[in-house]
Amino acid sequence: MLHSVPDIDNSEALTERQQAVLDAALRLLVEEGDNLTMTAVARRASCSKETLYKWFGDRDGLLTATVQWQASKVRVAPVDRKGLDLASLTASLERFASDWLRVISSDTSVALNRVAVGHAGSGKDDLGAIVLQNGRFALARRLKPVLEAGRQAGLLDFDDAETAFRTFFGLVGRDVQIRLLLGDRLQLTEATIGGDAARATQQFLALHGPKTREQTTGRKASRTG
């Protein structure tokens, strides 16, 4: 059973001390992978195990909070539904894409995902489910309202928000994550990340931007001509 911990969508949900503990847990995952223990985290973070149990409940609770903390670094710029225009929608999507690329290419995310993949279906713990629920699925919950706002403003055209999110996610991530998991020493500079984020956003808008009546009529004519 997954341990229930408060959803961490931003750093305001944590004290600085708790953030430091989760950063220590992330560093240990990079260094030790599968050997992460409450004792090791307490030692690295210079706190007691009792404090860890009080804050996070158990090892799964600590892992859940750690994944949430890492995922919280992927920000979604708030949009004004009433005044939303193409420029602000594009900026929000590009920021999300940049943050996500920056997070998934970090040593901590690569180490965390490798451990989660290794545990998937093994019965060791719920890390795979924790990563899905508090990583990818949490990011979808965070971005879908922006996509819905874009559709309501007539800036996006799609039938299903989940499908639209998966399309955007795929355009941003491409094969980056799997290459990193398999040991490719892929170096993503800030310039590369910014360029990839802008490119993915423009590709998504080309696919799901509003279709004018003339465009629709033209496509139908070309298919029947």
Protein backbone atom coordinates (compact mmCIF):
# COMPACT_ATOMS: atom_id res chain seq x y z
CA MET A 1 0.00 0.00 0.00
CA LEU A 2 1.31 3.47 -0.85
CA HIS A 3 1.98 5.67 2.12
CA SER A 4 -0.08 8.85 2.10
CA VAL A 5 1.93 12.05 2.33
CA PRO A 6 0.93 15.61 1.51
CA ASP A 7 1.16 16.44 -2.19
CA ILE A 8 4.24 18.58 -2.80
CA ASP A 9 3.55 20.76 -5.82
CA ASN A 10 5.94 23.51 -4.80
CA SER A 11 8.63 24.28 -2.26
CA GLU A 12 6.19 26.21 -0.03
CA ALA A 13 4.78 22.86 1.15
CA LEU A 14 8.12 22.05 2.83
CA THR A 15 10.30 23.69 5.41
CA GLU A 16 13.92 24.39 4.48
CA ARG A 17 14.97 21.58 6.81
CA GLN A 18 12.66 19.11 5.11
CA GLN A 19 13.95 20.21 1.70
CA ALA A 20 17.51 19.59 2.90
CA VAL A 21 16.53 16.08 4.05
CA LEU A 22 14.96 15.26 0.68
CA ASP A 23 18.00 16.62 -1.14
CA ALA A 24 20.13 14.31 1.01
CA ALA A 25 17.89 11.38 0.05
CA LEU A 26 18.27 12.25 -3.63
CA ARG A 27 22.07 12.38 -3.32
CA LEU A 28 22.06 8.98 -1.63
CA LEU A 29 19.95 7.55 -4.45
CA VAL A 30 22.60 8.72 -6.91
CA GLU A 31 25.41 7.24 -4.81
CA GLU A 32 23.82 4.05 -3.47
CA GLY A 33 20.72 3.41 -5.53
CA ASP A 34 18.86 0.43 -4.13
CA ASN A 35 20.59 0.64 -0.74
CA LEU A 36 18.71 3.73 0.44
CA THR A 37 17.63 3.32 4.07
CA MET A 38 16.07 5.56 6.68
CA THR A 39 19.24 5.17 8.74
CA ALA A 40 21.45 6.29 5.85
CA VAL A 41 19.25 9.31 5.13
CA ALA A 42 19.18 10.29 8.80
CA ARG A 43 22.96 10.05 8.98
CA ARG A 44 23.50 12.04 5.77
CA ALA A 45 20.97 14.72 6.74
CA SER A 46 22.19 14.90 10.37
CA CYS A 47 18.77 14.23 11.84
CA SER A 48 17.20 11.42 13.82
CA LYS A 49 15.27 8.50 12.36
CA GLU A 50 12.44 9.49 14.67
CA THR A 51 12.21 12.82 12.86
CA LEU A 52 12.08 11.06 9.48
CA TYR A 53 9.31 8.76 10.66
CA LYS A 54 7.40 11.73 12.08
CA TRP A 55 7.64 13.69 8.81
CA PHE A 56 7.30 10.91 6.23
CA GLY A 57 5.89 7.86 8.01
CA ASP A 58 8.11 5.12 6.57
CA ARG A 59 10.52 4.40 3.72
CA ASP A 60 7.77 4.49 1.08
CA GLY A 61 6.57 7.79 2.52
CA LEU A 62 10.09 9.19 2.30
CA LEU A 63 10.44 7.95 -1.28
CA THR A 64 7.08 9.48 -2.18
CA ALA A 65 8.08 12.86 -0.76
CA THR A 66 11.45 12.61 -2.52
CA VAL A 67 9.82 11.97 -5.90
CA GLN A 68 7.31 14.79 -5.29
CA TRP A 69 10.13 17.14 -4.36
CA GLN A 70 12.00 16.31 -7.56
CA ALA A 71 8.84 16.65 -9.67
CA SER A 72 7.98 19.99 -8.05
CA LYS A 73 10.97 21.48 -9.89
CA VAL A 74 8.92 21.20 -13.09
CA ARG A 75 6.87 24.37 -12.82
CA VAL A 76 3.73 25.36 -14.67
CA ALA A 77 3.39 29.08 -15.17
CA PRO A 78 -0.12 30.15 -14.10
CA VAL A 79 -2.31 31.45 -16.90
CA ASP A 80 -5.10 33.98 -16.81
CA ARG A 81 -8.04 32.12 -18.34
CA LYS A 82 -9.85 35.36 -19.18
CA GLY A 83 -6.86 37.11 -20.72
CA LEU A 84 -5.02 34.10 -22.12
CA ASP A 85 -3.35 34.73 -25.46
CA LEU A 86 -0.98 32.75 -27.66
CA ALA A 87 2.13 34.42 -26.23
CA SER A 88 1.32 33.58 -22.60
CA LEU A 89 0.22 30.04 -23.49
CA THR A 90 3.44 29.48 -25.44
CA ALA A 91 5.53 30.83 -22.54
CA SER A 92 3.80 28.50 -20.08
CA LEU A 93 4.34 25.44 -22.28
CA GLU A 94 7.97 26.33 -22.96
CA ARG A 95 8.68 26.81 -19.25
CA PHE A 96 7.16 23.43 -18.44
CA ALA A 97 9.15 21.78 -21.23
CA SER A 98 12.43 23.41 -20.16
CA ASP A 99 11.98 22.47 -16.52
CA TRP A 100 11.06 18.89 -17.38
CA LEU A 101 14.09 18.42 -19.63
CA ARG A 102 16.32 19.93 -16.94
CA VAL A 103 14.90 17.58 -14.29
CA ILE A 104 14.93 14.32 -16.28
CA SER A 105 18.52 14.92 -17.42
CA SER A 106 19.78 15.41 -13.86
CA ASP A 107 21.83 12.69 -12.18
CA THR A 108 19.24 12.43 -9.42
CA SER A 109 16.32 11.71 -11.77
CA VAL A 110 18.34 9.19 -13.78
CA ALA A 111 19.33 7.35 -10.58
CA LEU A 112 15.79 7.46 -9.20
CA ASN A 113 14.28 6.13 -12.42
CA ARG A 114 16.86 3.36 -12.70
CA VAL A 115 16.00 2.13 -9.21
CA ALA A 116 12.26 2.40 -9.97
CA VAL A 117 12.63 0.40 -13.20
CA GLY A 118 14.66 -2.22 -11.34
CA HIS A 119 11.92 -2.55 -8.73
CA ALA A 120 8.98 -2.65 -11.16
CA GLY A 121 7.15 -5.93 -10.69
CA SER A 122 9.77 -7.24 -8.25
CA GLY A 123 7.63 -6.94 -5.13
CA LYS A 124 10.42 -5.11 -3.30
CA ASP A 125 8.43 -1.95 -2.70
CA ASP A 126 6.13 0.48 -4.48
CA LEU A 127 8.81 2.76 -5.92
CA GLY A 128 7.67 2.22 -9.51
CA ALA A 129 4.11 3.19 -8.63
CA ILE A 130 5.39 6.08 -6.51
CA VAL A 131 7.37 7.47 -9.43
CA LEU A 132 4.41 7.15 -11.79
CA GLN A 133 1.85 8.67 -9.42
CA ASN A 134 4.02 11.52 -8.16
CA GLY A 135 6.10 12.06 -11.28
CA ARG A 136 4.49 11.64 -14.68
CA PHE A 137 0.86 11.52 -13.49
CA ALA A 138 1.34 14.51 -11.18
CA LEU A 139 2.84 16.51 -14.04
CA ALA A 140 -0.18 15.66 -16.18
CA ARG A 141 -2.54 16.90 -13.46
CA ARG A 142 -0.55 20.11 -13.31
CA LEU A 143 -0.42 20.85 -17.04
CA LYS A 144 -3.85 19.68 -18.20
CA PRO A 145 -5.63 22.77 -16.77
CA VAL A 146 -3.33 24.93 -18.91
CA LEU A 147 -4.18 22.89 -21.99
CA GLU A 148 -7.89 23.10 -21.15
CA ALA A 149 -7.59 26.87 -20.71
CA GLY A 150 -5.94 27.07 -24.12
CA ARG A 151 -8.81 25.12 -25.66
CA GLN A 152 -11.43 27.31 -23.97
CA ALA A 153 -9.64 30.40 -25.30
CA GLY A 154 -9.70 29.00 -28.83
CA LEU A 155 -5.91 28.67 -28.92
CA LEU A 156 -5.81 24.86 -28.89
CA ASP A 157 -7.92 22.25 -30.63
CA PHE A 158 -8.10 18.73 -29.20
CA ASP A 159 -10.73 16.24 -28.10
CA ASP A 160 -9.05 14.73 -25.05
CA ALA A 161 -6.70 16.47 -22.61
CA GLU A 162 -4.85 13.27 -21.72
CA THR A 163 -4.08 12.53 -25.36
CA ALA A 164 -2.97 16.13 -25.91
CA PHE A 165 -0.72 15.93 -22.85
CA ARG A 166 0.84 12.68 -24.04
CA THR A 167 1.54 14.26 -27.41
CA PHE A 168 3.26 17.25 -25.81
CA PHE A 169 5.15 15.03 -23.36
CA GLY A 170 6.41 12.90 -26.24
CA LEU A 171 7.49 15.89 -28.32
CA VAL A 172 9.44 17.31 -25.37
CA GLY A 173 11.06 14.12 -24.12
CA ARG A 174 11.62 12.32 -27.42
CA ASP A 175 14.19 9.57 -26.67
CA VAL A 176 16.13 11.61 -24.10
CA GLN A 177 14.99 9.75 -20.99
CA ILE A 178 15.53 6.23 -22.32
CA ARG A 179 18.97 7.15 -23.66
CA LEU A 180 19.99 8.52 -20.27
CA LEU A 181 18.63 5.43 -18.48
CA LEU A 182 20.69 3.23 -20.79
CA GLY A 183 23.89 5.12 -19.99
CA ASP A 184 24.17 7.56 -22.89
CA ARG A 185 26.30 10.47 -21.67
CA LEU A 186 23.94 12.95 -23.25
CA GLN A 187 24.85 16.51 -22.30
CA LEU A 188 21.93 18.94 -22.31
CA THR A 189 23.16 22.51 -22.05
CA GLU A 190 20.86 25.38 -21.15
CA ALA A 191 20.93 26.48 -24.79
CA THR A 192 20.01 22.96 -25.94
CA ILE A 193 17.21 22.70 -23.40
CA GLY A 194 15.79 26.09 -24.37
CA GLY A 195 15.93 25.25 -28.07
CA ASP A 196 14.36 21.82 -27.59
CA ALA A 197 11.58 23.26 -25.41
CA ALA A 198 10.75 25.97 -27.96
CA ARG A 199 10.83 23.46 -30.82
CA ALA A 200 8.55 20.98 -29.04
CA THR A 201 6.10 23.74 -28.16
CA GLN A 202 5.92 24.97 -31.75
CA GLN A 203 5.45 21.40 -33.00
CA PHE A 204 2.62 20.90 -30.49
CA LEU A 205 0.96 24.15 -31.52
CA ALA A 206 1.24 23.13 -35.17
CA LEU A 207 -0.59 19.90 -34.34
CA HIS A 208 -3.15 21.27 -31.90
CA GLY A 209 -3.44 24.93 -32.73
CA PRO A 210 -6.87 26.17 -33.80
CA LYS A 211 -7.92 24.98 -37.25
CA THR A 212 -9.65 27.61 -39.36
CA ARG A 213 -12.67 26.78 -41.50
CA GLU A 214 -10.60 27.46 -44.62
CA GLN A 215 -7.92 24.97 -43.50
CA THR A 216 -10.53 22.30 -42.77
CA THR A 217 -12.30 22.88 -46.06
CA GLY A 218 -8.99 22.82 -47.91
CA ARG A 219 -7.98 19.50 -46.39
CA LYS A 220 -11.34 17.96 -47.29
CA ALA A 221 -11.06 19.26 -50.84
CA SER A 222 -7.54 17.86 -51.23
CA ARG A 223 -8.68 14.45 -50.04
CA THR A 224 -11.62 14.33 -52.44
CA GLY A 225 -9.93 16.05 -55.39
